[in-house]
């Protein structure tokens, strides 16, 4: 789910934002199976993922313009060379998003009561395997929209929001790579974003989120790796502790000084462990910070378990990501605020 610049909300329909082990690059959507296992939600990549688009537009955006913008969003994810995922536009439909009809549908819906939600994504999954069998996306027509090439003042960009929501469609959660400031009247304003999957929109007229950033690319590549991806990249793993006790929900960022790429992950289990994959081999600066630039419930369903009461901390030496492997485990000890 993506919200306007002054607010953030939870991501999907009653799904857990967690993984059954250390996080790699991203939070991924997971759900318990009927066997009681927690599995990561994924599409079957042996065939293209088919989606339909509703056959109606909104003022300023025709149905064909909407479909073209949505197609560009899906094509952007498919074009990532290190990810193995394909999409296929299956045609226009009268069906609505969020109908349990076996069709993945993308369309506008008027939801004025969701006054701070630009769009949302939901799933139907195989309860035994966790395989995604249907996923729907709606964009909220209570807002004004545009598909103009350079954006349009006062209107939100369809392609940017569709790119974010189609990341959820793939099974990706939110990235915490962004910087905001609190508005005087409440909510937050985005100052900078390091990922399309950051949960808060830049606002009307902006088109910066039409292009994936390194964190987005690492996320989709880790979820749907192309052959050889893990042989060519490295990973970092470790623990976050405070006074020797594990910290749950810390945001951990690996910064590559050579490429300027930022790739983030989270300490996501009861041991405070994290793992970030998809790193370019070589030295990285490791930063650990609390989740304080967006609402915690944008990332975790159990927000009360997330620890945000600590200071930003840097690991005291450069971490060198090995090619085709995971580096030596280390501990970052953070201090209370």
C-alpha atoms as a PDB file:
ATOM      1  CA  UNK A   1       0.000   0.000   0.000  1.00  0.00           C
ATOM      2  CA  UNK A   2       1.254   3.452  -0.774  1.00  0.00           C
ATOM      3  CA  UNK A   3       0.081   6.618   0.919  1.00  0.00           C
ATOM      4  CA  UNK A   4       0.360  10.286   0.209  1.00  0.00           C
ATOM      5  CA  UNK A   5       3.322  12.203   1.510  1.00  0.00           C
ATOM      6  CA  UNK A   6       1.826  13.053   4.875  1.00  0.00           C
ATOM      7  CA  UNK A   7       1.008   9.555   6.056  1.00  0.00           C
ATOM      8  CA  UNK A   8       1.903   5.858   5.936  1.00  0.00           C
ATOM      9  CA  UNK A   9      -0.258   2.805   6.441  1.00  0.00           C
ATOM     10  CA  UNK A  10       0.082  -0.971   6.672  1.00  0.00           C
ATOM     11  CA  UNK A  11       0.827  -2.779   3.463  1.00  0.00           C
ATOM     12  CA  UNK A  12      -1.531  -5.593   2.545  1.00  0.00           C
ATOM     13  CA  UNK A  13      -4.600  -7.552   3.448  1.00  0.00           C
ATOM     14  CA  UNK A  14      -3.972  -9.428   6.696  1.00  0.00           C
ATOM     15  CA  UNK A  15      -0.571 -10.772   5.675  1.00  0.00           C
ATOM     16  CA  UNK A  16       2.399 -11.028   7.983  1.00  0.00           C
ATOM     17  CA  UNK A  17       5.365  -8.796   7.218  1.00  0.00           C
ATOM     18  CA  UNK A  18       8.023 -11.237   8.310  1.00  0.00           C
ATOM     19  CA  UNK A  19      10.290 -13.965   7.038  1.00  0.00           C
ATOM     20  CA  UNK A  20      11.128 -17.340   8.584  1.00  0.00           C
ATOM     21  CA  UNK A  21      14.796 -16.417   9.024  1.00  0.00           C
ATOM     22  CA  UNK A  22      17.204 -13.484   8.682  1.00  0.00           C
ATOM     23  CA  UNK A  23      15.982 -10.870   6.203  1.00  0.00           C
ATOM     24  CA  UNK A  24      17.664 -10.524   2.839  1.00  0.00           C
ATOM     25  CA  UNK A  25      17.606  -7.053   1.304  1.00  0.00           C
ATOM     26  CA  UNK A  26      13.897  -6.562   1.955  1.00  0.00           C
ATOM     27  CA  UNK A  27      10.984  -7.462   4.051  1.00  0.00           C
ATOM     28  CA  UNK A  28       9.080 -10.027   2.057  1.00  0.00           C
ATOM     29  CA  UNK A  29       5.427 -10.881   2.454  1.00  0.00           C
ATOM     30  CA  UNK A  30       4.986 -14.147   4.304  1.00  0.00           C
ATOM     31  CA  UNK A  31       2.059 -16.155   5.557  1.00  0.00           C
ATOM     32  CA  UNK A  32       1.543 -19.294   7.651  1.00  0.00           C
ATOM     33  CA  UNK A  33       0.548 -22.395   5.694  1.00  0.00           C
ATOM     34  CA  UNK A  34      -1.996 -24.984   6.807  1.00  0.00           C
ATOM     35  CA  UNK A  35       0.979 -26.992   8.075  1.00  0.00           C
ATOM     36  CA  UNK A  36       1.936 -24.131  10.372  1.00  0.00           C
ATOM     37  CA  UNK A  37       5.045 -23.138   8.405  1.00  0.00           C
ATOM     38  CA  UNK A  38       5.825 -19.500   7.661  1.00  0.00           C
ATOM     39  CA  UNK A  39       6.575 -19.232   3.940  1.00  0.00           C
ATOM     40  CA  UNK A  40       7.594 -16.379   1.684  1.00  0.00           C
ATOM     41  CA  UNK A  41       4.940 -15.474  -0.884  1.00  0.00           C
ATOM     42  CA  UNK A  42       6.097 -15.900  -4.484  1.00  0.00           C
ATOM     43  CA  UNK A  43       4.753 -16.423  -7.973  1.00  0.00           C
ATOM     44  CA  UNK A  44       5.503 -19.512 -10.031  1.00  0.00           C
ATOM     45  CA  UNK A  45       8.169 -18.226 -12.427  1.00  0.00           C
ATOM     46  CA  UNK A  46       7.919 -21.090 -14.922  1.00  0.00           C
ATOM     47  CA  UNK A  47       5.335 -19.047 -16.831  1.00  0.00           C
ATOM     48  CA  UNK A  48       4.523 -15.336 -17.214  1.00  0.00           C
ATOM     49  CA  UNK A  49       2.379 -13.781 -14.507  1.00  0.00           C
ATOM     50  CA  UNK A  50      -0.855 -12.667 -16.201  1.00  0.00           C
ATOM     51  CA  UNK A  51      -2.745  -9.547 -15.169  1.00  0.00           C
ATOM     52  CA  UNK A  52      -5.879  -7.753 -16.376  1.00  0.00           C
ATOM     53  CA  UNK A  53      -6.650  -4.039 -16.362  1.00  0.00           C
ATOM     54  CA  UNK A  54     -10.117  -2.596 -15.787  1.00  0.00           C
ATOM     55  CA  UNK A  55     -11.706  -1.114 -18.900  1.00  0.00           C
ATOM     56  CA  UNK A  56     -12.439   2.306 -17.475  1.00  0.00           C
ATOM     57  CA  UNK A  57     -10.427   5.366 -16.689  1.00  0.00           C
ATOM     58  CA  UNK A  58     -10.871   8.431 -14.510  1.00  0.00           C
ATOM     59  CA  UNK A  59     -10.931  12.155 -15.345  1.00  0.00           C
ATOM     60  CA  UNK A  60      -7.619  12.947 -17.004  1.00  0.00           C
ATOM     61  CA  UNK A  61      -6.639   9.288 -17.574  1.00  0.00           C
ATOM     62  CA  UNK A  62      -8.354   7.077 -20.165  1.00  0.00           C
ATOM     63  CA  UNK A  63      -8.483   3.292 -19.835  1.00  0.00           C
ATOM     64  CA  UNK A  64      -5.852   2.876 -22.561  1.00  0.00           C
ATOM     65  CA  UNK A  65      -3.555   5.468 -20.938  1.00  0.00           C
ATOM     66  CA  UNK A  66      -3.952   3.725 -17.600  1.00  0.00           C
ATOM     67  CA  UNK A  67      -3.146   0.329 -19.117  1.00  0.00           C
ATOM     68  CA  UNK A  68      -0.045   1.695 -20.854  1.00  0.00           C
ATOM     69  CA  UNK A  69       1.264   3.230 -17.611  1.00  0.00           C
ATOM     70  CA  UNK A  70       0.623   0.006 -15.692  1.00  0.00           C
ATOM     71  CA  UNK A  71       2.400  -1.988 -18.422  1.00  0.00           C
ATOM     72  CA  UNK A  72       5.426   0.308 -18.158  1.00  0.00           C
ATOM     73  CA  UNK A  73       5.512  -0.338 -14.406  1.00  0.00           C
ATOM     74  CA  UNK A  74       5.474  -4.122 -14.823  1.00  0.00           C
ATOM     75  CA  UNK A  75       7.996  -3.894 -17.663  1.00  0.00           C
ATOM     76  CA  UNK A  76      10.376  -1.991 -15.373  1.00  0.00           C
ATOM     77  CA  UNK A  77      10.491  -4.883 -12.906  1.00  0.00           C
ATOM     78  CA  UNK A  78      10.786  -7.431 -15.712  1.00  0.00           C
ATOM     79  CA  UNK A  79      13.723  -5.520 -17.211  1.00  0.00           C
ATOM     80  CA  UNK A  80      15.917  -6.062 -14.122  1.00  0.00           C
ATOM     81  CA  UNK A  81      18.632  -8.299 -15.628  1.00  0.00           C
ATOM     82  CA  UNK A  82      19.384 -10.116 -12.366  1.00  0.00           C
ATOM     83  CA  UNK A  83      15.742 -11.110 -11.724  1.00  0.00           C
ATOM     84  CA  UNK A  84      13.783 -13.950 -13.343  1.00  0.00           C
ATOM     85  CA  UNK A  85      10.185 -12.763 -13.488  1.00  0.00           C
ATOM     86  CA  UNK A  86       7.923 -12.143 -16.506  1.00  0.00           C
ATOM     87  CA  UNK A  87       4.505 -10.509 -16.913  1.00  0.00           C
ATOM     88  CA  UNK A  88       1.779 -10.671 -19.532  1.00  0.00           C
ATOM     89  CA  UNK A  89      -1.083  -8.231 -20.064  1.00  0.00           C
ATOM     90  CA  UNK A  90      -4.095 -10.514 -20.476  1.00  0.00           C
ATOM     91  CA  UNK A  91      -6.584  -7.862 -21.618  1.00  0.00           C
ATOM     92  CA  UNK A  92      -9.175  -5.407 -20.359  1.00  0.00           C
ATOM     93  CA  UNK A  93     -11.891  -6.593 -17.997  1.00  0.00           C
ATOM     94  CA  UNK A  94     -15.110  -5.538 -16.319  1.00  0.00           C
ATOM     95  CA  UNK A  95     -13.964  -7.266 -13.133  1.00  0.00           C
ATOM     96  CA  UNK A  96     -13.067  -5.240 -10.038  1.00  0.00           C
ATOM     97  CA  UNK A  97      -9.863  -5.538  -8.010  1.00  0.00           C
ATOM     98  CA  UNK A  98     -10.202  -7.660  -4.849  1.00  0.00           C
ATOM     99  CA  UNK A  99     -12.855  -9.978  -6.274  1.00  0.00           C
ATOM    100  CA  UNK A 100     -11.922 -13.614  -5.660  1.00  0.00           C
ATOM    101  CA  UNK A 101     -12.334 -14.531  -9.323  1.00  0.00           C
ATOM    102  CA  UNK A 102      -9.026 -16.128 -10.259  1.00  0.00           C
ATOM    103  CA  UNK A 103      -7.945 -13.006 -12.166  1.00  0.00           C
ATOM    104  CA  UNK A 104      -5.227 -10.572 -11.132  1.00  0.00           C
ATOM    105  CA  UNK A 105      -6.838  -7.202 -11.780  1.00  0.00           C
ATOM    106  CA  UNK A 106      -5.395  -3.685 -11.704  1.00  0.00           C
ATOM    107  CA  UNK A 107      -7.852  -0.809 -11.665  1.00  0.00           C
ATOM    108  CA  UNK A 108      -9.160   2.399 -10.190  1.00  0.00           C
ATOM    109  CA  UNK A 109     -11.616   2.342  -7.314  1.00  0.00           C
ATOM    110  CA  UNK A 110     -13.148   5.310  -5.549  1.00  0.00           C
ATOM    111  CA  UNK A 111     -12.294   5.001  -1.855  1.00  0.00           C
ATOM    112  CA  UNK A 112     -12.670   8.517  -0.392  1.00  0.00           C
ATOM    113  CA  UNK A 113     -12.697   7.139   3.156  1.00  0.00           C
ATOM    114  CA  UNK A 114      -9.062   6.114   2.577  1.00  0.00           C
ATOM    115  CA  UNK A 115      -8.071   9.741   2.484  1.00  0.00           C
ATOM    116  CA  UNK A 116      -4.347   9.082   2.762  1.00  0.00           C
ATOM    117  CA  UNK A 117      -4.034   5.917   0.679  1.00  0.00           C
ATOM    118  CA  UNK A 118      -3.056   6.196  -2.982  1.00  0.00           C
ATOM    119  CA  UNK A 119      -3.222   2.484  -3.703  1.00  0.00           C
ATOM    120  CA  UNK A 120      -3.146  -0.996  -2.214  1.00  0.00           C
ATOM    121  CA  UNK A 121      -2.333  -4.576  -3.185  1.00  0.00           C
ATOM    122  CA  UNK A 122      -3.849  -7.849  -1.961  1.00  0.00           C
ATOM    123  CA  UNK A 123      -3.284 -11.539  -2.556  1.00  0.00           C
ATOM    124  CA  UNK A 124      -4.934 -14.916  -2.866  1.00  0.00           C
ATOM    125  CA  UNK A 125      -2.422 -17.638  -2.027  1.00  0.00           C
ATOM    126  CA  UNK A 126      -2.128 -21.399  -2.014  1.00  0.00           C
ATOM    127  CA  UNK A 127      -2.615 -22.243   1.662  1.00  0.00           C
ATOM    128  CA  UNK A 128      -0.274 -25.239   1.438  1.00  0.00           C
ATOM    129  CA  UNK A 129       2.679 -23.775  -0.455  1.00  0.00           C
ATOM    130  CA  UNK A 130       2.411 -19.991  -0.122  1.00  0.00           C
ATOM    131  CA  UNK A 131       2.433 -19.628  -3.901  1.00  0.00           C
ATOM    132  CA  UNK A 132       0.620 -16.490  -5.069  1.00  0.00           C
ATOM    133  CA  UNK A 133      -2.281 -17.464  -7.326  1.00  0.00           C
ATOM    134  CA  UNK A 134      -3.969 -14.065  -7.641  1.00  0.00           C
ATOM    135  CA  UNK A 135      -3.011 -10.498  -6.771  1.00  0.00           C
ATOM    136  CA  UNK A 136      -5.070  -7.349  -7.271  1.00  0.00           C
ATOM    137  CA  UNK A 137      -4.091  -3.685  -7.215  1.00  0.00           C
ATOM    138  CA  UNK A 138      -6.311  -0.653  -6.856  1.00  0.00           C
ATOM    139  CA  UNK A 139      -5.433   3.010  -7.259  1.00  0.00           C
ATOM    140  CA  UNK A 140      -7.680   5.366  -5.361  1.00  0.00           C
ATOM    141  CA  UNK A 141      -9.668   7.552  -7.774  1.00  0.00           C
ATOM    142  CA  UNK A 142     -10.526   9.878  -4.893  1.00  0.00           C
ATOM    143  CA  UNK A 143      -7.216  11.502  -5.877  1.00  0.00           C
ATOM    144  CA  UNK A 144      -6.416  13.240  -9.166  1.00  0.00           C
ATOM    145  CA  UNK A 145      -4.196  11.221 -11.505  1.00  0.00           C
ATOM    146  CA  UNK A 146      -2.008  11.788 -14.549  1.00  0.00           C
ATOM    147  CA  UNK A 147       0.057   9.819 -17.064  1.00  0.00           C
ATOM    148  CA  UNK A 148       1.824  12.898 -18.484  1.00  0.00           C
ATOM    149  CA  UNK A 149       5.391  12.201 -19.515  1.00  0.00           C
ATOM    150  CA  UNK A 150       6.897  14.848 -17.267  1.00  0.00           C
ATOM    151  CA  UNK A 151       4.250  14.686 -14.568  1.00  0.00           C
ATOM    152  CA  UNK A 152       1.433  17.130 -13.940  1.00  0.00           C
ATOM    153  CA  UNK A 153       1.223  19.577 -11.029  1.00  0.00           C
ATOM    154  CA  UNK A 154      -1.529  18.728  -8.582  1.00  0.00           C
ATOM    155  CA  UNK A 155      -1.972  15.167  -9.895  1.00  0.00           C
ATOM    156  CA  UNK A 156      -0.371  11.913  -8.774  1.00  0.00           C
ATOM    157  CA  UNK A 157       1.603   9.915 -11.314  1.00  0.00           C
ATOM    158  CA  UNK A 158      -0.009   6.591 -12.282  1.00  0.00           C
ATOM    159  CA  UNK A 159       3.237   4.949 -13.367  1.00  0.00           C
ATOM    160  CA  UNK A 160       5.079   5.801 -10.132  1.00  0.00           C
ATOM    161  CA  UNK A 161       2.328   4.450  -7.901  1.00  0.00           C
ATOM    162  CA  UNK A 162       1.807   1.416 -10.146  1.00  0.00           C
ATOM    163  CA  UNK A 163       5.543   0.645  -9.957  1.00  0.00           C
ATOM    164  CA  UNK A 164       5.381   0.705  -6.151  1.00  0.00           C
ATOM    165  CA  UNK A 165       2.229  -1.420  -5.999  1.00  0.00           C
ATOM    166  CA  UNK A 166       3.528  -3.904  -8.570  1.00  0.00           C
ATOM    167  CA  UNK A 167       6.527  -4.390  -6.257  1.00  0.00           C
ATOM    168  CA  UNK A 168       4.025  -5.530  -3.621  1.00  0.00           C
ATOM    169  CA  UNK A 169       2.313  -7.616  -6.335  1.00  0.00           C
ATOM    170  CA  UNK A 170       5.639  -9.448  -6.664  1.00  0.00           C
ATOM    171  CA  UNK A 171       5.771 -10.115  -2.923  1.00  0.00           C
ATOM    172  CA  UNK A 172       8.070  -7.303  -1.788  1.00  0.00           C
ATOM    173  CA  UNK A 173       7.410  -5.331   1.358  1.00  0.00           C
ATOM    174  CA  UNK A 174       8.493  -1.790   2.094  1.00  0.00           C
ATOM    175  CA  UNK A 175      11.984  -0.384   2.082  1.00  0.00           C
ATOM    176  CA  UNK A 176      12.988   2.004   4.858  1.00  0.00           C
ATOM    177  CA  UNK A 177      15.508   3.867   2.693  1.00  0.00           C
ATOM    178  CA  UNK A 178      14.115   7.363   2.871  1.00  0.00           C
ATOM    179  CA  UNK A 179      14.204  10.529   4.872  1.00  0.00           C
ATOM    180  CA  UNK A 180      11.177  12.499   6.030  1.00  0.00           C
ATOM    181  CA  UNK A 181      10.323  15.400   8.272  1.00  0.00           C
ATOM    182  CA  UNK A 182       7.286  15.801  10.468  1.00  0.00           C
ATOM    183  CA  UNK A 183       4.758  18.346   9.203  1.00  0.00           C
ATOM    184  CA  UNK A 184       3.428  20.973  11.540  1.00  0.00           C
ATOM    185  CA  UNK A 185      -0.149  19.843  10.903  1.00  0.00           C
ATOM    186  CA  UNK A 186       0.689  16.160  11.267  1.00  0.00           C
ATOM    187  CA  UNK A 187       2.098  13.475   9.028  1.00  0.00           C
ATOM    188  CA  UNK A 188       5.406  13.521   7.154  1.00  0.00           C
ATOM    189  CA  UNK A 189       6.951  15.108   4.095  1.00  0.00           C
ATOM    190  CA  UNK A 190       9.476  13.140   2.028  1.00  0.00           C
ATOM    191  CA  UNK A 191      12.879  14.803   1.800  1.00  0.00           C
ATOM    192  CA  UNK A 192      14.695  11.967   0.031  1.00  0.00           C
ATOM    193  CA  UNK A 193      14.027   8.386  -0.988  1.00  0.00           C
ATOM    194  CA  UNK A 194      16.438   5.572  -1.753  1.00  0.00           C
ATOM    195  CA  UNK A 195      13.854   3.124  -3.087  1.00  0.00           C
ATOM    196  CA  UNK A 196      10.642   2.991  -5.078  1.00  0.00           C
ATOM    197  CA  UNK A 197       9.381   0.750  -2.277  1.00  0.00           C
ATOM    198  CA  UNK A 198       9.703   3.488   0.349  1.00  0.00           C
ATOM    199  CA  UNK A 199       6.192   3.659   1.806  1.00  0.00           C
ATOM    200  CA  UNK A 200       5.525   7.387   1.391  1.00  0.00           C
ATOM    201  CA  UNK A 201       4.969   9.145  -1.921  1.00  0.00           C
ATOM    202  CA  UNK A 202       6.857  12.269  -2.933  1.00  0.00           C
ATOM    203  CA  UNK A 203       3.520  13.864  -3.731  1.00  0.00           C
ATOM    204  CA  UNK A 204       1.543  15.143  -6.714  1.00  0.00           C
ATOM    205  CA  UNK A 205       3.506  16.060  -9.828  1.00  0.00           C
ATOM    206  CA  UNK A 206       6.574  13.972  -8.928  1.00  0.00           C
ATOM    207  CA  UNK A 207       7.836  11.233 -11.266  1.00  0.00           C
ATOM    208  CA  UNK A 208      11.096  10.255  -9.523  1.00  0.00           C
ATOM    209  CA  UNK A 209       9.623   6.881  -8.560  1.00  0.00           C
ATOM    210  CA  UNK A 210       9.360   5.706 -12.159  1.00  0.00           C
ATOM    211  CA  UNK A 211      12.900   4.287 -11.893  1.00  0.00           C
ATOM    212  CA  UNK A 212      14.091   1.474  -9.652  1.00  0.00           C
ATOM    213  CA  UNK A 213      16.979   2.105  -7.299  1.00  0.00           C
ATOM    214  CA  UNK A 214      19.671  -0.345  -6.086  1.00  0.00           C
ATOM    215  CA  UNK A 215      17.589  -1.398  -3.079  1.00  0.00           C
ATOM    216  CA  UNK A 216      14.598  -2.253  -5.303  1.00  0.00           C
ATOM    217  CA  UNK A 217      16.805  -4.172  -7.708  1.00  0.00           C
ATOM    218  CA  UNK A 218      18.437  -6.142  -4.887  1.00  0.00           C
ATOM    219  CA  UNK A 219      15.018  -6.949  -3.443  1.00  0.00           C
ATOM    220  CA  UNK A 220      13.438  -8.370  -6.605  1.00  0.00           C
ATOM    221  CA  UNK A 221      16.670 -10.157  -7.552  1.00  0.00           C
ATOM    222  CA  UNK A 222      16.856 -11.823  -4.156  1.00  0.00           C
ATOM    223  CA  UNK A 223      13.210 -12.908  -4.347  1.00  0.00           C
ATOM    224  CA  UNK A 224      13.410 -14.106  -7.982  1.00  0.00           C
ATOM    225  CA  UNK A 225      17.135 -14.606  -8.663  1.00  0.00           C
ATOM    226  CA  UNK A 226      18.333 -15.036 -12.213  1.00  0.00           C
ATOM    227  CA  UNK A 227      20.785 -17.901 -12.662  1.00  0.00           C
ATOM    228  CA  UNK A 228      24.180 -16.853 -11.338  1.00  0.00           C
ATOM    229  CA  UNK A 229      22.913 -13.867  -9.347  1.00  0.00           C
ATOM    230  CA  UNK A 230      24.126 -15.189  -5.996  1.00  0.00           C
ATOM    231  CA  UNK A 231      27.423 -16.329  -7.520  1.00  0.00           C
ATOM    232  CA  UNK A 232      28.189 -12.794  -8.674  1.00  0.00           C
ATOM    233  CA  UNK A 233      27.055 -10.937  -5.548  1.00  0.00           C
ATOM    234  CA  UNK A 234      27.756 -11.083  -1.843  1.00  0.00           C
ATOM    235  CA  UNK A 235      25.844 -10.839   1.403  1.00  0.00           C
ATOM    236  CA  UNK A 236      26.328  -9.435   4.870  1.00  0.00           C
ATOM    237  CA  UNK A 237      24.936 -11.004   8.020  1.00  0.00           C
ATOM    238  CA  UNK A 238      25.069 -10.172  11.689  1.00  0.00           C
ATOM    239  CA  UNK A 239      23.157  -9.254  14.829  1.00  0.00           C
ATOM    240  CA  UNK A 240      21.990  -6.017  16.388  1.00  0.00           C
ATOM    241  CA  UNK A 241      22.125  -5.841  20.182  1.00  0.00           C
ATOM    242  CA  UNK A 242      21.648  -3.282  22.927  1.00  0.00           C
ATOM    243  CA  UNK A 243      23.245  -3.997  26.306  1.00  0.00           C
ATOM    244  CA  UNK A 244      23.879  -7.478  24.944  1.00  0.00           C
ATOM    245  CA  UNK A 245      20.218  -8.153  24.186  1.00  0.00           C
ATOM    246  CA  UNK A 246      18.866  -8.629  20.637  1.00  0.00           C
ATOM    247  CA  UNK A 247      17.113  -5.720  18.934  1.00  0.00           C
ATOM    248  CA  UNK A 248      14.087  -6.567  16.781  1.00  0.00           C
ATOM    249  CA  UNK A 249      13.132  -4.341  13.836  1.00  0.00           C
ATOM    250  CA  UNK A 250      16.338  -2.322  13.472  1.00  0.00           C
ATOM    251  CA  UNK A 251      16.968  -0.991   9.968  1.00  0.00           C
ATOM    252  CA  UNK A 252      20.399  -2.058   8.712  1.00  0.00           C
ATOM    253  CA  UNK A 253      21.904  -0.352   5.649  1.00  0.00           C
ATOM    254  CA  UNK A 254      24.915  -1.414   3.578  1.00  0.00           C
ATOM    255  CA  UNK A 255      26.504   1.529   1.714  1.00  0.00           C
ATOM    256  CA  UNK A 256      28.974   0.904  -1.097  1.00  0.00           C
ATOM    257  CA  UNK A 257      31.382   3.902  -1.271  1.00  0.00           C
ATOM    258  CA  UNK A 258      32.461   2.961  -4.807  1.00  0.00           C
ATOM    259  CA  UNK A 259      29.013   2.780  -6.402  1.00  0.00           C
ATOM    260  CA  UNK A 260      27.089   4.943  -3.860  1.00  0.00           C
ATOM    261  CA  UNK A 261      24.472   2.185  -3.694  1.00  0.00           C
ATOM    262  CA  UNK A 262      22.368   1.797  -0.553  1.00  0.00           C
ATOM    263  CA  UNK A 263      20.760  -1.579   0.187  1.00  0.00           C
ATOM    264  CA  UNK A 264      18.790  -2.121   3.364  1.00  0.00           C
ATOM    265  CA  UNK A 265      17.488  -4.930   5.509  1.00  0.00           C
ATOM    266  CA  UNK A 266      16.134  -5.477   9.016  1.00  0.00           C
ATOM    267  CA  UNK A 267      16.957  -7.369  12.173  1.00  0.00           C
ATOM    268  CA  UNK A 268      13.883  -9.481  11.943  1.00  0.00           C
ATOM    269  CA  UNK A 269      13.939 -12.353  14.410  1.00  0.00           C
ATOM    270  CA  UNK A 270      14.150 -12.807  18.165  1.00  0.00           C
ATOM    271  CA  UNK A 271      17.943 -13.069  18.001  1.00  0.00           C
ATOM    272  CA  UNK A 272      18.272  -9.644  16.364  1.00  0.00           C
ATOM    273  CA  UNK A 273      19.749 -11.200  13.231  1.00  0.00           C
ATOM    274  CA  UNK A 274      19.893  -9.609   9.792  1.00  0.00           C
ATOM    275  CA  UNK A 275      21.137 -10.626   6.366  1.00  0.00           C
ATOM    276  CA  UNK A 276      21.358  -8.396   3.292  1.00  0.00           C
ATOM    277  CA  UNK A 277      21.956 -10.052  -0.074  1.00  0.00           C
ATOM    278  CA  UNK A 278      22.622  -8.681  -3.539  1.00  0.00           C
ATOM    279  CA  UNK A 279      25.700  -6.632  -2.603  1.00  0.00           C
ATOM    280  CA  UNK A 280      28.404  -5.782  -5.113  1.00  0.00           C
ATOM    281  CA  UNK A 281      31.557  -7.579  -3.902  1.00  0.00           C
ATOM    282  CA  UNK A 282      33.811  -5.198  -2.020  1.00  0.00           C
ATOM    283  CA  UNK A 283      33.864  -2.881   1.018  1.00  0.00           C
ATOM    284  CA  UNK A 284      30.668  -1.475   2.561  1.00  0.00           C
ATOM    285  CA  UNK A 285      29.824   0.876   5.399  1.00  0.00           C
ATOM    286  CA  UNK A 286      27.218  -0.650   7.740  1.00  0.00           C
ATOM    287  CA  UNK A 287      24.718   1.661   9.468  1.00  0.00           C
ATOM    288  CA  UNK A 288      22.042   0.627  11.966  1.00  0.00           C
ATOM    289  CA  UNK A 289      19.139   2.961  12.678  1.00  0.00           C
ATOM    290  CA  UNK A 290      15.656   2.902  14.240  1.00  0.00           C
ATOM    291  CA  UNK A 291      12.524   2.869  12.080  1.00  0.00           C
ATOM    292  CA  UNK A 292      11.626   6.504  12.605  1.00  0.00           C
ATOM    293  CA  UNK A 293      11.135   7.889   9.082  1.00  0.00           C
ATOM    294  CA  UNK A 294       7.761   6.208   8.500  1.00  0.00           C
ATOM    295  CA  UNK A 295       5.082   4.568  10.609  1.00  0.00           C
ATOM    296  CA  UNK A 296       6.270   1.257  12.041  1.00  0.00           C
ATOM    297  CA  UNK A 297       3.092  -0.483  10.868  1.00  0.00           C
ATOM    298  CA  UNK A 298       4.233   0.155   7.299  1.00  0.00           C
ATOM    299  CA  UNK A 299       6.816  -2.561   7.881  1.00  0.00           C
ATOM    300  CA  UNK A 300       5.648  -4.924  10.631  1.00  0.00           C
ATOM    301  CA  UNK A 301       2.227  -6.224  11.598  1.00  0.00           C
ATOM    302  CA  UNK A 302       3.289  -6.442  15.259  1.00  0.00           C
ATOM    303  CA  UNK A 303       4.552  -2.907  15.658  1.00  0.00           C
ATOM    304  CA  UNK A 304       4.715  -3.210  19.442  1.00  0.00           C
ATOM    305  CA  UNK A 305       7.604  -5.667  19.122  1.00  0.00           C
ATOM    306  CA  UNK A 306       9.780  -3.223  17.167  1.00  0.00           C
ATOM    307  CA  UNK A 307      12.506  -1.438  19.138  1.00  0.00           C
ATOM    308  CA  UNK A 308      13.076   2.179  18.073  1.00  0.00           C
ATOM    309  CA  UNK A 309      14.688   3.395  21.295  1.00  0.00           C
ATOM    310  CA  UNK A 310      18.315   3.509  20.179  1.00  0.00           C
ATOM    311  CA  UNK A 311      20.755   5.815  18.405  1.00  0.00           C
ATOM    312  CA  UNK A 312      22.032   5.564  14.840  1.00  0.00           C
ATOM    313  CA  UNK A 313      25.178   3.438  15.001  1.00  0.00           C
ATOM    314  CA  UNK A 314      27.913   2.570  12.483  1.00  0.00           C
ATOM    315  CA  UNK A 315      29.798  -0.704  12.537  1.00  0.00           C
ATOM    316  CA  UNK A 316      33.337   0.165  13.569  1.00  0.00           C
ATOM    317  CA  UNK A 317      35.028  -1.175  10.446  1.00  0.00           C
ATOM    318  CA  UNK A 318      34.348  -1.659   6.750  1.00  0.00           C
ATOM    319  CA  UNK A 319      32.605  -4.890   5.855  1.00  0.00           C
ATOM    320  CA  UNK A 320      33.924  -6.561   2.689  1.00  0.00           C
ATOM    321  CA  UNK A 321      31.198  -8.471   0.845  1.00  0.00           C
ATOM    322  CA  UNK A 322      32.672 -11.638  -0.685  1.00  0.00           C
ATOM    323  CA  UNK A 323      31.761 -12.684  -4.209  1.00  0.00           C
ATOM    324  CA  UNK A 324      29.344 -15.598  -4.146  1.00  0.00           C
ATOM    325  CA  UNK A 325      29.153 -15.877  -0.396  1.00  0.00           C
ATOM    326  CA  UNK A 326      28.210 -14.431   2.969  1.00  0.00           C
ATOM    327  CA  UNK A 327      30.800 -12.603   5.024  1.00  0.00           C
ATOM    328  CA  UNK A 328      31.797 -13.356   8.580  1.00  0.00           C
ATOM    329  CA  UNK A 329      28.991 -12.759  11.068  1.00  0.00           C
ATOM    330  CA  UNK A 330      29.430  -9.748  13.357  1.00  0.00           C
ATOM    331  CA  UNK A 331      27.542  -7.841  16.049  1.00  0.00           C
ATOM    332  CA  UNK A 332      26.589  -4.168  16.054  1.00  0.00           C
ATOM    333  CA  UNK A 333      25.982  -2.911  19.586  1.00  0.00           C
ATOM    334  CA  UNK A 334      23.679   0.130  19.647  1.00  0.00           C
ATOM    335  CA  UNK A 335      23.153   2.630  22.457  1.00  0.00           C
ATOM    336  CA  UNK A 336      19.825   3.795  23.922  1.00  0.00           C
ATOM    337  CA  UNK A 337      18.591   7.241  22.924  1.00  0.00           C
END
